[in-house]
């Protein structure tokens, strides 16, 4: 919800218009202001100003909360810098805030930090660190992390190539309705032997048993 200050700004703007016209057209100022307000161009201008003020306030609030140590706010601020939304795009700042949130256990930040290491965005590329942070997210049921880890095992990218573990991670992500993981699972299943599939299902059962009752802490 927009803060009260936004409504205060709008109130002052409308009051100023009313005052301006009342001095020049005492009998018709209200109608003129009303016509100006409902004009599509004017209305669009007001909405644009309101949205800018709203997002500015949101960005400032998130920054303050991030600096105070809130992990969700730190992740959100990192995402803003990564995407260039409300702030100038800056991968280095994004990684800085992802790391702060990830170290506090924020699942989405762990995955994004790992992805940044993997691609070398805002930080020197480091596949070992990428695998470390992506695995942390995957172990907390983050389906993006599970899918990505499956791809790393499938391709042998930073990890020993292992079709059984790839199938396991794809399956876990697919169980949480990750459609991309479901597609990859179906694709590699066609290349696997019955023994490999059985081994993968055994590993899946072990993982589910080990993580039973544990939930990820991804922000809503």
N, C-alpha and C. Protein backbone atom coordinates (compact mmCIF):
# COMPACT_ATOMS: atom_id res chain seq x y z
N UNK A 1 0.84 -1.19 0.00
CA UNK A 1 0.00 0.00 0.00
C UNK A 1 0.88 1.25 0.00
N UNK A 2 0.51 2.25 -0.81
CA UNK A 2 1.28 3.48 -0.82
C UNK A 2 1.25 4.12 0.55
N UNK A 3 2.29 4.79 0.93
CA UNK A 3 2.34 5.42 2.23
C UNK A 3 1.46 6.66 2.24
N UNK A 4 1.14 7.12 3.48
CA UNK A 4 0.29 8.29 3.64
C UNK A 4 0.92 9.50 2.98
N UNK A 5 2.24 9.56 2.94
CA UNK A 5 2.92 10.71 2.36
C UNK A 5 2.56 10.90 0.89
N UNK A 6 2.28 9.81 0.16
CA UNK A 6 1.89 9.92 -1.24
C UNK A 6 0.56 10.64 -1.37
N UNK A 7 -0.39 10.24 -0.52
CA UNK A 7 -1.69 10.89 -0.57
C UNK A 7 -1.57 12.36 -0.16
N UNK A 8 -0.65 12.63 0.76
CA UNK A 8 -0.43 13.99 1.19
C UNK A 8 0.09 14.85 0.04
N UNK A 9 1.01 14.29 -0.74
CA UNK A 9 1.55 14.99 -1.90
C UNK A 9 0.45 15.29 -2.91
N UNK A 10 -0.38 14.28 -3.19
CA UNK A 10 -1.47 14.47 -4.16
C UNK A 10 -2.45 15.52 -3.65
N UNK A 11 -2.74 15.46 -2.35
CA UNK A 11 -3.66 16.44 -1.77
C UNK A 11 -3.12 17.85 -1.95
N UNK A 12 -1.85 18.04 -1.66
CA UNK A 12 -1.25 19.37 -1.80
C UNK A 12 -1.29 19.84 -3.25
N UNK A 13 -1.04 18.91 -4.19
CA UNK A 13 -1.05 19.27 -5.60
C UNK A 13 -2.44 19.73 -6.03
N UNK A 14 -3.46 18.98 -5.65
CA UNK A 14 -4.83 19.33 -6.01
C UNK A 14 -5.26 20.62 -5.32
N UNK A 15 -4.84 20.78 -4.06
CA UNK A 15 -5.17 21.99 -3.33
C UNK A 15 -4.55 23.21 -4.00
N UNK A 16 -3.31 23.02 -4.46
CA UNK A 16 -2.65 24.12 -5.16
C UNK A 16 -3.36 24.49 -6.44
N UNK A 17 -3.84 23.50 -7.17
CA UNK A 17 -4.59 23.78 -8.39
C UNK A 17 -5.88 24.52 -8.08
N UNK A 18 -6.59 24.05 -7.06
CA UNK A 18 -7.83 24.71 -6.68
C UNK A 18 -7.59 26.16 -6.27
N UNK A 19 -6.53 26.37 -5.51
CA UNK A 19 -6.20 27.73 -5.07
C UNK A 19 -5.84 28.61 -6.26
N UNK A 20 -5.07 28.03 -7.20
CA UNK A 20 -4.65 28.76 -8.38
C UNK A 20 -5.86 29.23 -9.20
N UNK A 21 -6.76 28.32 -9.46
CA UNK A 21 -7.93 28.67 -10.27
C UNK A 21 -8.93 29.52 -9.50
N UNK A 22 -9.00 29.36 -8.19
CA UNK A 22 -9.96 30.14 -7.42
C UNK A 22 -9.62 31.62 -7.47
N UNK A 23 -8.35 31.93 -7.62
CA UNK A 23 -7.93 33.34 -7.69
C UNK A 23 -8.24 33.93 -9.05
N UNK A 24 -8.32 33.07 -10.07
CA UNK A 24 -8.55 33.59 -11.41
C UNK A 24 -9.99 33.40 -11.87
N UNK A 25 -10.64 32.32 -11.47
CA UNK A 25 -12.00 32.01 -11.91
C UNK A 25 -12.81 31.57 -10.69
N UNK A 26 -13.24 32.45 -9.84
CA UNK A 26 -13.91 32.08 -8.59
C UNK A 26 -15.12 31.19 -8.78
N UNK A 27 -15.87 31.39 -9.88
CA UNK A 27 -17.13 30.66 -10.04
C UNK A 27 -16.98 29.31 -10.74
N UNK A 28 -15.89 29.17 -11.46
CA UNK A 28 -15.75 27.95 -12.28
C UNK A 28 -14.50 27.14 -11.98
N UNK A 29 -13.75 27.51 -10.94
CA UNK A 29 -12.46 26.86 -10.71
C UNK A 29 -12.61 25.36 -10.47
N UNK A 30 -13.66 24.97 -9.73
CA UNK A 30 -13.78 23.55 -9.42
C UNK A 30 -14.04 22.72 -10.68
N UNK A 31 -14.90 23.21 -11.56
CA UNK A 31 -15.19 22.48 -12.79
C UNK A 31 -13.96 22.37 -13.68
N UNK A 32 -13.19 23.44 -13.71
CA UNK A 32 -11.99 23.42 -14.55
C UNK A 32 -10.97 22.43 -14.01
N UNK A 33 -10.81 22.42 -12.69
CA UNK A 33 -9.88 21.46 -12.10
C UNK A 33 -10.37 20.04 -12.33
N UNK A 34 -11.68 19.83 -12.19
CA UNK A 34 -12.24 18.50 -12.40
C UNK A 34 -12.02 18.05 -13.83
N UNK A 35 -12.24 18.95 -14.81
CA UNK A 35 -12.01 18.59 -16.21
C UNK A 35 -10.54 18.26 -16.45
N UNK A 36 -9.66 19.02 -15.82
CA UNK A 36 -8.22 18.75 -15.98
C UNK A 36 -7.86 17.40 -15.40
N UNK A 37 -8.48 17.07 -14.24
CA UNK A 37 -8.15 15.84 -13.54
C UNK A 37 -8.59 14.60 -14.33
N UNK A 38 -9.76 14.67 -14.99
CA UNK A 38 -10.27 13.49 -15.70
C UNK A 38 -9.78 13.43 -17.14
N UNK A 39 -9.04 14.43 -17.58
CA UNK A 39 -8.44 14.38 -18.90
C UNK A 39 -7.45 13.21 -18.95
N UNK A 40 -7.52 12.36 -19.99
CA UNK A 40 -6.66 11.17 -20.04
C UNK A 40 -5.18 11.49 -19.86
N UNK A 41 -4.71 12.56 -20.48
CA UNK A 41 -3.29 12.91 -20.36
C UNK A 41 -2.96 13.30 -18.92
N UNK A 42 -3.80 14.12 -18.33
CA UNK A 42 -3.57 14.59 -16.97
C UNK A 42 -3.65 13.43 -15.98
N UNK A 43 -4.66 12.60 -16.19
CA UNK A 43 -4.82 11.44 -15.30
C UNK A 43 -3.60 10.52 -15.39
N UNK A 44 -3.12 10.30 -16.62
CA UNK A 44 -1.94 9.46 -16.81
C UNK A 44 -0.72 10.04 -16.13
N UNK A 45 -0.61 11.39 -16.18
CA UNK A 45 0.50 12.07 -15.54
C UNK A 45 0.47 11.87 -14.03
N UNK A 46 -0.72 12.00 -13.46
CA UNK A 46 -0.87 11.84 -12.02
C UNK A 46 -0.53 10.41 -11.60
N UNK A 47 -1.04 9.43 -12.38
CA UNK A 47 -0.76 8.04 -12.07
C UNK A 47 0.73 7.75 -12.15
N UNK A 48 1.39 8.31 -13.17
CA UNK A 48 2.83 8.09 -13.34
C UNK A 48 3.61 8.65 -12.16
N UNK A 49 3.23 9.85 -11.72
CA UNK A 49 3.90 10.46 -10.57
C UNK A 49 3.68 9.63 -9.32
N UNK A 50 2.44 9.16 -9.14
CA UNK A 50 2.14 8.33 -7.98
C UNK A 50 2.98 7.04 -7.97
N UNK A 51 3.07 6.41 -9.15
CA UNK A 51 3.84 5.17 -9.24
C UNK A 51 5.32 5.42 -8.96
N UNK A 52 5.86 6.51 -9.50
CA UNK A 52 7.27 6.83 -9.25
C UNK A 52 7.51 7.06 -7.76
N UNK A 53 6.60 7.80 -7.13
CA UNK A 53 6.74 8.05 -5.70
C UNK A 53 6.62 6.76 -4.90
N UNK A 54 5.69 5.91 -5.32
CA UNK A 54 5.48 4.64 -4.62
C UNK A 54 6.72 3.76 -4.69
N UNK A 55 7.26 3.57 -5.92
CA UNK A 55 8.42 2.71 -6.07
C UNK A 55 9.67 3.31 -5.43
N UNK A 56 9.74 4.65 -5.44
CA UNK A 56 10.86 5.30 -4.76
C UNK A 56 10.80 5.01 -3.26
N UNK A 57 9.58 5.16 -2.70
CA UNK A 57 9.41 4.89 -1.28
C UNK A 57 9.70 3.43 -0.96
N UNK A 58 9.24 2.53 -1.85
CA UNK A 58 9.49 1.11 -1.64
C UNK A 58 10.98 0.81 -1.65
N UNK A 59 11.69 1.39 -2.64
CA UNK A 59 13.14 1.17 -2.74
C UNK A 59 13.87 1.68 -1.51
N UNK A 60 13.44 2.87 -1.04
CA UNK A 60 14.08 3.43 0.14
C UNK A 60 13.81 2.57 1.37
N UNK A 61 12.57 2.07 1.48
CA UNK A 61 12.23 1.22 2.62
C UNK A 61 13.05 -0.07 2.59
N UNK A 62 13.15 -0.68 1.40
CA UNK A 62 13.91 -1.92 1.27
C UNK A 62 15.38 -1.69 1.61
N UNK A 63 15.92 -0.57 1.15
CA UNK A 63 17.33 -0.28 1.42
C UNK A 63 17.58 -0.11 2.91
N UNK A 64 16.68 0.59 3.58
CA UNK A 64 16.83 0.80 5.02
C UNK A 64 16.78 -0.53 5.76
N UNK A 65 15.81 -1.38 5.40
CA UNK A 65 15.66 -2.67 6.06
C UNK A 65 16.85 -3.59 5.75
N UNK A 66 17.36 -3.49 4.52
CA UNK A 66 18.54 -4.29 4.15
C UNK A 66 19.74 -3.89 4.98
N UNK A 67 19.94 -2.59 5.13
CA UNK A 67 21.08 -2.10 5.91
C UNK A 67 20.95 -2.45 7.39
N UNK A 68 19.72 -2.69 7.83
CA UNK A 68 19.49 -3.08 9.22
C UNK A 68 19.65 -4.59 9.41
N UNK A 69 19.89 -5.31 8.30
CA UNK A 69 20.18 -6.74 8.41
C UNK A 69 19.06 -7.68 8.05
N UNK A 70 17.94 -7.17 7.52
CA UNK A 70 16.84 -8.05 7.14
C UNK A 70 17.20 -8.84 5.88
N UNK A 71 17.21 -10.16 5.97
CA UNK A 71 17.66 -11.00 4.86
C UNK A 71 16.77 -10.90 3.64
N UNK A 72 15.45 -10.85 3.84
CA UNK A 72 14.54 -10.73 2.70
C UNK A 72 14.74 -9.40 1.97
N UNK A 73 14.93 -8.34 2.74
CA UNK A 73 15.18 -7.02 2.14
C UNK A 73 16.52 -7.01 1.42
N UNK A 74 17.51 -7.66 1.98
CA UNK A 74 18.82 -7.73 1.32
C UNK A 74 18.71 -8.46 -0.01
N UNK A 75 17.95 -9.55 -0.03
CA UNK A 75 17.74 -10.26 -1.30
C UNK A 75 17.00 -9.38 -2.30
N UNK A 76 15.94 -8.70 -1.84
CA UNK A 76 15.16 -7.84 -2.73
C UNK A 76 16.01 -6.70 -3.30
N UNK A 77 16.86 -6.13 -2.45
CA UNK A 77 17.73 -5.05 -2.92
C UNK A 77 18.73 -5.58 -3.93
N UNK A 78 19.28 -6.76 -3.67
CA UNK A 78 20.19 -7.38 -4.63
C UNK A 78 19.50 -7.61 -5.96
N UNK A 79 18.26 -8.05 -5.91
CA UNK A 79 17.50 -8.31 -7.13
C UNK A 79 17.25 -7.02 -7.90
N UNK A 80 16.99 -5.94 -7.18
CA UNK A 80 16.80 -4.64 -7.84
C UNK A 80 18.06 -4.22 -8.58
N UNK A 81 19.20 -4.38 -7.93
CA UNK A 81 20.47 -4.03 -8.60
C UNK A 81 20.75 -4.97 -9.77
N UNK A 82 20.41 -6.23 -9.62
CA UNK A 82 20.68 -7.20 -10.69
C UNK A 82 19.82 -6.92 -11.92
N UNK A 83 18.57 -6.54 -11.70
CA UNK A 83 17.64 -6.31 -12.79
C UNK A 83 17.59 -4.85 -13.24
N UNK A 84 18.16 -3.96 -12.43
CA UNK A 84 18.10 -2.54 -12.76
C UNK A 84 16.73 -1.94 -12.58
N UNK A 85 15.99 -2.42 -11.60
CA UNK A 85 14.63 -1.92 -11.34
C UNK A 85 14.66 -0.94 -10.17
N UNK A 86 14.38 0.33 -10.47
CA UNK A 86 14.37 1.36 -9.44
C UNK A 86 15.75 1.90 -9.12
N UNK A 87 16.78 1.20 -9.59
CA UNK A 87 18.16 1.63 -9.39
C UNK A 87 18.94 1.32 -10.66
N UNK A 88 20.14 1.89 -10.78
CA UNK A 88 20.99 1.58 -11.92
C UNK A 88 21.50 0.15 -11.80
N UNK A 89 21.43 -0.61 -12.89
CA UNK A 89 21.89 -1.99 -12.86
C UNK A 89 23.36 -2.06 -12.43
N UNK A 90 23.62 -2.90 -11.47
CA UNK A 90 24.98 -3.00 -10.92
C UNK A 90 25.17 -4.42 -10.37
N UNK A 91 25.82 -5.29 -11.14
CA UNK A 91 26.01 -6.68 -10.72
C UNK A 91 26.85 -6.79 -9.45
N UNK A 92 27.81 -5.88 -9.28
CA UNK A 92 28.67 -5.94 -8.11
C UNK A 92 27.88 -5.67 -6.83
N UNK A 93 27.00 -4.66 -6.89
CA UNK A 93 26.14 -4.38 -5.74
C UNK A 93 25.15 -5.51 -5.52
N UNK A 94 24.65 -6.07 -6.61
CA UNK A 94 23.70 -7.19 -6.50
C UNK A 94 24.34 -8.35 -5.75
N UNK A 95 25.55 -8.71 -6.15
CA UNK A 95 26.24 -9.84 -5.52
C UNK A 95 26.51 -9.54 -4.04
N UNK A 96 26.85 -8.30 -3.75
CA UNK A 96 27.12 -7.93 -2.35
C UNK A 96 25.91 -8.21 -1.47
N UNK A 97 24.72 -7.82 -1.96
CA UNK A 97 23.51 -8.01 -1.16
C UNK A 97 23.02 -9.45 -1.19
N UNK A 98 23.21 -10.12 -2.32
CA UNK A 98 22.88 -11.56 -2.37
C UNK A 98 23.69 -12.32 -1.31
N UNK A 99 24.97 -11.98 -1.21
CA UNK A 99 25.84 -12.67 -0.26
C UNK A 99 25.37 -12.45 1.18
N UNK A 100 25.04 -11.20 1.50
CA UNK A 100 24.59 -10.90 2.86
C UNK A 100 23.34 -11.72 3.20
N UNK A 101 22.41 -11.79 2.24
CA UNK A 101 21.17 -12.55 2.48
C UNK A 101 21.44 -14.05 2.50
N UNK A 102 22.29 -14.50 1.58
CA UNK A 102 22.60 -15.94 1.49
C UNK A 102 23.26 -16.45 2.77
N UNK A 103 24.13 -15.65 3.34
CA UNK A 103 24.82 -16.06 4.56
C UNK A 103 23.87 -16.17 5.75
N UNK A 104 22.70 -15.54 5.61
CA UNK A 104 21.68 -15.65 6.65
C UNK A 104 20.68 -16.76 6.35
N UNK A 105 20.92 -17.49 5.25
CA UNK A 105 20.07 -18.63 4.93
C UNK A 105 18.94 -18.37 3.96
N UNK A 106 18.90 -17.18 3.34
CA UNK A 106 17.85 -16.90 2.36
C UNK A 106 18.07 -17.77 1.11
N UNK A 107 17.12 -18.64 0.83
CA UNK A 107 17.28 -19.64 -0.22
C UNK A 107 17.44 -19.01 -1.61
N UNK A 108 16.58 -18.07 -1.94
CA UNK A 108 16.64 -17.46 -3.26
C UNK A 108 17.96 -16.70 -3.45
N UNK A 109 18.43 -16.08 -2.39
CA UNK A 109 19.72 -15.38 -2.47
C UNK A 109 20.86 -16.37 -2.66
N UNK A 110 20.77 -17.52 -2.01
CA UNK A 110 21.80 -18.55 -2.18
C UNK A 110 21.86 -19.00 -3.63
N UNK A 111 20.69 -19.22 -4.23
CA UNK A 111 20.69 -19.65 -5.63
C UNK A 111 21.24 -18.55 -6.54
N UNK A 112 20.78 -17.32 -6.34
CA UNK A 112 21.23 -16.23 -7.21
C UNK A 112 22.71 -15.94 -7.04
N UNK A 113 23.22 -16.09 -5.83
CA UNK A 113 24.66 -15.92 -5.61
C UNK A 113 25.42 -17.01 -6.35
N UNK A 114 24.93 -18.24 -6.25
CA UNK A 114 25.55 -19.34 -6.97
C UNK A 114 25.53 -19.14 -8.47
N UNK A 115 24.39 -18.65 -8.98
CA UNK A 115 24.27 -18.39 -10.42
C UNK A 115 25.24 -17.29 -10.86
N UNK A 116 25.41 -16.27 -9.99
CA UNK A 116 26.35 -15.19 -10.31
C UNK A 116 27.78 -15.72 -10.40
N UNK A 117 28.14 -16.61 -9.46
CA UNK A 117 29.46 -17.25 -9.52
C UNK A 117 29.60 -18.09 -10.78
N UNK A 118 28.54 -18.78 -11.14
CA UNK A 118 28.60 -19.67 -12.30
C UNK A 118 28.81 -18.89 -13.59
N UNK A 119 28.12 -17.74 -13.70
CA UNK A 119 28.20 -16.95 -14.93
C UNK A 119 29.27 -15.87 -14.89
N UNK A 120 29.79 -15.59 -13.70
CA UNK A 120 30.79 -14.53 -13.58
C UNK A 120 30.19 -13.14 -13.67
N UNK A 121 28.95 -12.99 -13.18
CA UNK A 121 28.29 -11.69 -13.19
C UNK A 121 28.52 -10.97 -11.87
N UNK A 122 29.28 -9.89 -11.91
CA UNK A 122 29.53 -9.11 -10.71
C UNK A 122 30.58 -9.71 -9.79
N UNK A 123 31.20 -10.79 -10.24
CA UNK A 123 32.20 -11.47 -9.44
C UNK A 123 33.00 -12.40 -10.35
N UNK A 124 34.23 -12.72 -9.95
CA UNK A 124 35.02 -13.64 -10.76
C UNK A 124 34.33 -15.00 -10.83
N UNK A 125 34.30 -15.58 -12.02
CA UNK A 125 33.68 -16.89 -12.18
C UNK A 125 34.39 -17.93 -11.31
N UNK A 126 33.57 -18.70 -10.58
CA UNK A 126 34.13 -19.72 -9.70
C UNK A 126 33.12 -20.85 -9.61
N UNK A 127 33.35 -21.91 -10.35
CA UNK A 127 32.39 -23.01 -10.42
C UNK A 127 32.26 -23.72 -9.08
N UNK A 128 33.35 -23.80 -8.34
CA UNK A 128 33.29 -24.45 -7.02
C UNK A 128 32.34 -23.69 -6.10
N UNK A 129 32.49 -22.35 -6.06
CA UNK A 129 31.59 -21.54 -5.23
C UNK A 129 30.16 -21.59 -5.76
N UNK A 130 30.03 -21.64 -7.07
CA UNK A 130 28.70 -21.75 -7.68
C UNK A 130 27.99 -23.01 -7.19
N UNK A 131 28.70 -24.12 -7.26
CA UNK A 131 28.13 -25.40 -6.83
C UNK A 131 27.78 -25.37 -5.34
N UNK A 132 28.64 -24.76 -4.55
CA UNK A 132 28.43 -24.69 -3.10
C UNK A 132 27.12 -23.97 -2.77
N UNK A 133 26.89 -22.81 -3.37
CA UNK A 133 25.70 -22.02 -3.04
C UNK A 133 24.44 -22.57 -3.69
N UNK A 134 24.57 -23.08 -4.90
CA UNK A 134 23.41 -23.68 -5.57
C UNK A 134 22.96 -24.93 -4.82
N UNK A 135 23.92 -25.70 -4.33
CA UNK A 135 23.58 -26.90 -3.56
C UNK A 135 22.87 -26.53 -2.26
N UNK A 136 23.32 -25.47 -1.60
CA UNK A 136 22.64 -25.02 -0.38
C UNK A 136 21.17 -24.73 -0.65
N UNK A 137 20.91 -24.06 -1.79
CA UNK A 137 19.52 -23.76 -2.15
C UNK A 137 18.76 -25.04 -2.48
N UNK A 138 19.39 -25.91 -3.24
CA UNK A 138 18.75 -27.17 -3.65
C UNK A 138 18.40 -28.02 -2.44
N UNK A 139 19.28 -28.05 -1.46
CA UNK A 139 19.05 -28.85 -0.27
C UNK A 139 17.89 -28.31 0.57
N UNK A 140 17.51 -27.06 0.31
CA UNK A 140 16.37 -26.46 1.01
C UNK A 140 15.12 -26.42 0.12
N UNK A 141 15.09 -27.34 -0.85
CA UNK A 141 13.92 -27.54 -1.71
C UNK A 141 13.67 -26.41 -2.71
N UNK A 142 14.66 -25.60 -2.99
CA UNK A 142 14.51 -24.59 -4.03
C UNK A 142 14.58 -25.28 -5.39
N UNK A 143 13.50 -25.22 -6.17
CA UNK A 143 13.45 -25.99 -7.42
C UNK A 143 14.40 -25.44 -8.48
N UNK A 144 14.67 -24.13 -8.44
CA UNK A 144 15.66 -23.59 -9.38
C UNK A 144 17.05 -24.17 -9.08
N UNK A 145 17.36 -24.25 -7.78
CA UNK A 145 18.64 -24.83 -7.39
C UNK A 145 18.72 -26.31 -7.73
N UNK A 146 17.63 -27.03 -7.52
CA UNK A 146 17.62 -28.45 -7.84
C UNK A 146 17.78 -28.69 -9.33
N UNK A 147 17.06 -27.90 -10.13
CA UNK A 147 17.17 -28.05 -11.58
C UNK A 147 18.59 -27.72 -12.05
N UNK A 148 19.14 -26.62 -11.54
CA UNK A 148 20.47 -26.19 -11.97
C UNK A 148 21.53 -27.22 -11.58
N UNK A 149 21.39 -27.78 -10.39
CA UNK A 149 22.34 -28.80 -9.95
C UNK A 149 22.23 -30.04 -10.84
N UNK A 150 21.00 -30.37 -11.25
CA UNK A 150 20.81 -31.47 -12.18
C UNK A 150 21.51 -31.24 -13.50
N UNK A 151 21.42 -30.00 -13.98
CA UNK A 151 22.11 -29.67 -15.23
C UNK A 151 23.62 -29.79 -15.09
N UNK A 152 24.14 -29.37 -13.94
CA UNK A 152 25.59 -29.45 -13.72
C UNK A 152 26.06 -30.90 -13.72
N UNK A 153 25.28 -31.78 -13.10
CA UNK A 153 25.63 -33.21 -13.12
C UNK A 153 25.45 -33.81 -14.51
N UNK A 154 24.41 -33.38 -15.21
CA UNK A 154 24.16 -33.92 -16.55
C UNK A 154 25.27 -33.55 -17.52
N UNK A 155 25.73 -32.30 -17.43
CA UNK A 155 26.71 -31.80 -18.39
C UNK A 155 28.15 -31.97 -17.90
N UNK A 156 28.32 -32.32 -16.63
CA UNK A 156 29.68 -32.40 -16.09
C UNK A 156 30.30 -31.03 -15.99
N UNK A 157 29.46 -30.03 -15.68
CA UNK A 157 29.92 -28.65 -15.60
C UNK A 157 30.25 -28.29 -14.16
N UNK A 158 31.53 -28.39 -13.81
CA UNK A 158 31.96 -28.09 -12.45
C UNK A 158 31.77 -29.26 -11.50
N UNK A 159 31.13 -30.30 -11.97
CA UNK A 159 30.92 -31.51 -11.18
C UNK A 159 31.19 -32.73 -12.06
N UNK A 160 31.55 -33.87 -11.46
CA UNK A 160 31.72 -35.07 -12.29
C UNK A 160 30.39 -35.41 -12.97
N UNK A 161 30.45 -35.75 -14.22
CA UNK A 161 29.23 -36.09 -14.94
C UNK A 161 28.60 -37.32 -14.30
N UNK A 162 27.32 -37.22 -13.94
CA UNK A 162 26.65 -38.32 -13.23
C UNK A 162 25.18 -38.30 -13.60
N UNK A 163 24.76 -39.18 -14.50
CA UNK A 163 23.39 -39.20 -15.00
C UNK A 163 22.40 -39.59 -13.90
N UNK A 164 22.85 -40.41 -12.96
CA UNK A 164 21.97 -40.84 -11.86
C UNK A 164 21.63 -39.66 -10.95
N UNK A 165 22.64 -38.88 -10.55
CA UNK A 165 22.40 -37.71 -9.70
C UNK A 165 21.65 -36.62 -10.46
N UNK A 166 21.92 -36.50 -11.75
CA UNK A 166 21.18 -35.54 -12.56
C UNK A 166 19.69 -35.89 -12.55
N UNK A 167 19.39 -37.17 -12.73
CA UNK A 167 18.01 -37.65 -12.72
C UNK A 167 17.37 -37.40 -11.36
N UNK A 168 18.13 -37.63 -10.30
CA UNK A 168 17.61 -37.41 -8.96
C UNK A 168 17.18 -35.96 -8.75
N UNK A 169 18.07 -35.02 -9.10
CA UNK A 169 17.76 -33.60 -8.88
C UNK A 169 16.65 -33.12 -9.80
N UNK A 170 16.63 -33.58 -11.02
CA UNK A 170 15.53 -33.22 -11.92
C UNK A 170 14.19 -33.73 -11.36
N UNK A 171 14.21 -34.94 -10.83
CA UNK A 171 13.00 -35.55 -10.28
C UNK A 171 12.48 -34.77 -9.08
N UNK A 172 13.39 -34.37 -8.20
CA UNK A 172 12.98 -33.60 -7.02
C UNK A 172 12.35 -32.27 -7.41
N UNK A 173 12.95 -31.60 -8.40
CA UNK A 173 12.40 -30.32 -8.86
C UNK A 173 11.06 -30.55 -9.57
N UNK A 174 10.97 -31.62 -10.35
CA UNK A 174 9.74 -31.93 -11.08
C UNK A 174 8.59 -32.20 -10.12
N UNK A 175 8.90 -32.81 -8.97
CA UNK A 175 7.87 -33.09 -7.97
C UNK A 175 7.23 -31.83 -7.44
N UNK A 176 7.96 -30.71 -7.53
CA UNK A 176 7.43 -29.41 -7.09
C UNK A 176 6.94 -28.58 -8.27
N UNK A 177 6.58 -29.28 -9.35
CA UNK A 177 5.96 -28.67 -10.53
C UNK A 177 6.89 -27.76 -11.34
N UNK A 178 8.19 -28.04 -11.29
CA UNK A 178 9.11 -27.34 -12.18
C UNK A 178 9.05 -28.04 -13.54
N UNK A 179 8.39 -27.39 -14.50
CA UNK A 179 8.13 -28.03 -15.79
C UNK A 179 9.41 -28.26 -16.60
N UNK A 180 10.36 -27.35 -16.48
CA UNK A 180 11.62 -27.52 -17.20
C UNK A 180 12.36 -28.76 -16.70
N UNK A 181 12.32 -28.95 -15.38
CA UNK A 181 12.96 -30.13 -14.79
C UNK A 181 12.24 -31.41 -15.23
N UNK A 182 10.92 -31.33 -15.33
CA UNK A 182 10.15 -32.49 -15.77
C UNK A 182 10.54 -32.90 -17.18
N UNK A 183 10.73 -31.89 -18.03
CA UNK A 183 11.15 -32.16 -19.41
C UNK A 183 12.52 -32.82 -19.46
N UNK A 184 13.47 -32.27 -18.68
CA UNK A 184 14.83 -32.83 -18.67
C UNK A 184 14.83 -34.25 -18.09
N UNK A 185 14.02 -34.48 -17.08
CA UNK A 185 13.92 -35.81 -16.48
C UNK A 185 13.46 -36.84 -17.52
N UNK A 186 12.43 -36.45 -18.28
CA UNK A 186 11.91 -37.36 -19.31
C UNK A 186 12.95 -37.62 -20.40
N UNK A 187 13.71 -36.58 -20.74
CA UNK A 187 14.71 -36.71 -21.80
C UNK A 187 15.82 -37.69 -21.40
N UNK A 188 16.36 -37.51 -20.19
CA UNK A 188 17.51 -38.35 -19.82
C UNK A 188 17.07 -39.75 -19.42
N UNK A 189 15.82 -39.89 -19.00
CA UNK A 189 15.34 -41.22 -18.62
C UNK A 189 15.43 -42.20 -19.79
N UNK A 190 15.24 -41.66 -21.00
CA UNK A 190 15.31 -42.49 -22.21
C UNK A 190 16.72 -43.02 -22.47
N UNK A 191 17.71 -42.37 -21.88
CA UNK A 191 19.11 -42.78 -22.11
C UNK A 191 19.65 -43.66 -20.98
N UNK A 192 18.84 -43.88 -19.95
CA UNK A 192 19.31 -44.59 -18.77
C UNK A 192 18.92 -46.07 -18.80
N UNK A 193 19.74 -46.88 -18.16
CA UNK A 193 19.44 -48.30 -18.02
C UNK A 193 18.48 -48.50 -16.85
N UNK A 194 17.78 -49.61 -16.80
CA UNK A 194 16.91 -49.90 -15.65
C UNK A 194 17.66 -49.85 -14.32
N UNK A 195 18.89 -50.29 -14.31
CA UNK A 195 19.70 -50.27 -13.09
C UNK A 195 19.96 -48.84 -12.64
N UNK A 196 20.28 -47.96 -13.59
CA UNK A 196 20.53 -46.55 -13.25
C UNK A 196 19.26 -45.88 -12.72
N UNK A 197 18.14 -46.17 -13.34
CA UNK A 197 16.87 -45.58 -12.89
C UNK A 197 16.53 -46.06 -11.48
N UNK A 198 16.73 -47.33 -11.22
CA UNK A 198 16.47 -47.89 -9.89
C UNK A 198 17.38 -47.24 -8.85
N UNK A 199 18.64 -47.05 -9.20
CA UNK A 199 19.59 -46.40 -8.29
C UNK A 199 19.17 -44.97 -8.00
N UNK A 200 18.72 -44.28 -9.05
CA UNK A 200 18.28 -42.89 -8.89
C UNK A 200 17.07 -42.82 -7.97
N UNK A 201 16.11 -43.71 -8.13
CA UNK A 201 14.93 -43.73 -7.27
C UNK A 201 15.29 -44.03 -5.82
N UNK A 202 16.29 -44.86 -5.63
CA UNK A 202 16.77 -45.16 -4.28
C UNK A 202 17.36 -43.89 -3.64
N UNK A 203 18.14 -43.15 -4.41
CA UNK A 203 18.74 -41.91 -3.91
C UNK A 203 17.65 -40.88 -3.60
N UNK A 204 16.62 -40.85 -4.44
CA UNK A 204 15.51 -39.91 -4.22
C UNK A 204 14.82 -40.23 -2.89
N UNK A 205 14.56 -41.50 -2.65
CA UNK A 205 13.92 -41.92 -1.40
C UNK A 205 14.76 -41.56 -0.19
N UNK A 206 16.06 -41.74 -0.31
CA UNK A 206 16.97 -41.39 0.79
C UNK A 206 16.93 -39.89 1.05
N UNK A 207 16.95 -39.10 -0.03
CA UNK A 207 16.95 -37.64 0.12
C UNK A 207 15.65 -37.17 0.77
N UNK A 208 14.53 -37.69 0.29
CA UNK A 208 13.23 -37.30 0.83
C UNK A 208 13.12 -37.68 2.30
N UNK A 209 13.59 -38.86 2.65
CA UNK A 209 13.56 -39.30 4.04
C UNK A 209 14.41 -38.40 4.93
N UNK A 210 15.58 -38.03 4.43
CA UNK A 210 16.50 -37.18 5.19
C UNK A 210 15.93 -35.78 5.39
N UNK A 211 15.20 -35.29 4.39
CA UNK A 211 14.71 -33.90 4.43
C UNK A 211 13.24 -33.83 4.82
N UNK A 212 12.66 -34.91 5.27
CA UNK A 212 11.24 -34.93 5.63
C UNK A 212 10.97 -33.91 6.72
N UNK A 213 9.97 -33.06 6.48
CA UNK A 213 9.60 -32.06 7.47
C UNK A 213 10.40 -30.78 7.40
N UNK A 214 11.47 -30.77 6.60
CA UNK A 214 12.27 -29.56 6.45
C UNK A 214 11.75 -28.74 5.31
N UNK A 215 11.56 -27.45 5.54
CA UNK A 215 11.05 -26.56 4.50
C UNK A 215 12.10 -25.52 4.17
N UNK A 216 12.11 -25.09 2.91
CA UNK A 216 13.00 -23.99 2.51
C UNK A 216 12.51 -22.69 3.11
N UNK A 217 13.38 -21.70 3.17
CA UNK A 217 13.02 -20.40 3.75
C UNK A 217 12.93 -19.32 2.70
N UNK A 218 12.51 -19.72 1.49
CA UNK A 218 12.41 -18.73 0.41
C UNK A 218 11.35 -17.71 0.73
N UNK A 219 11.60 -16.35 0.51
CA UNK A 219 10.61 -15.32 0.79
C UNK A 219 9.41 -15.44 -0.11
N UNK A 220 8.26 -15.09 0.42
CA UNK A 220 7.05 -15.17 -0.41
C UNK A 220 6.99 -13.99 -1.34
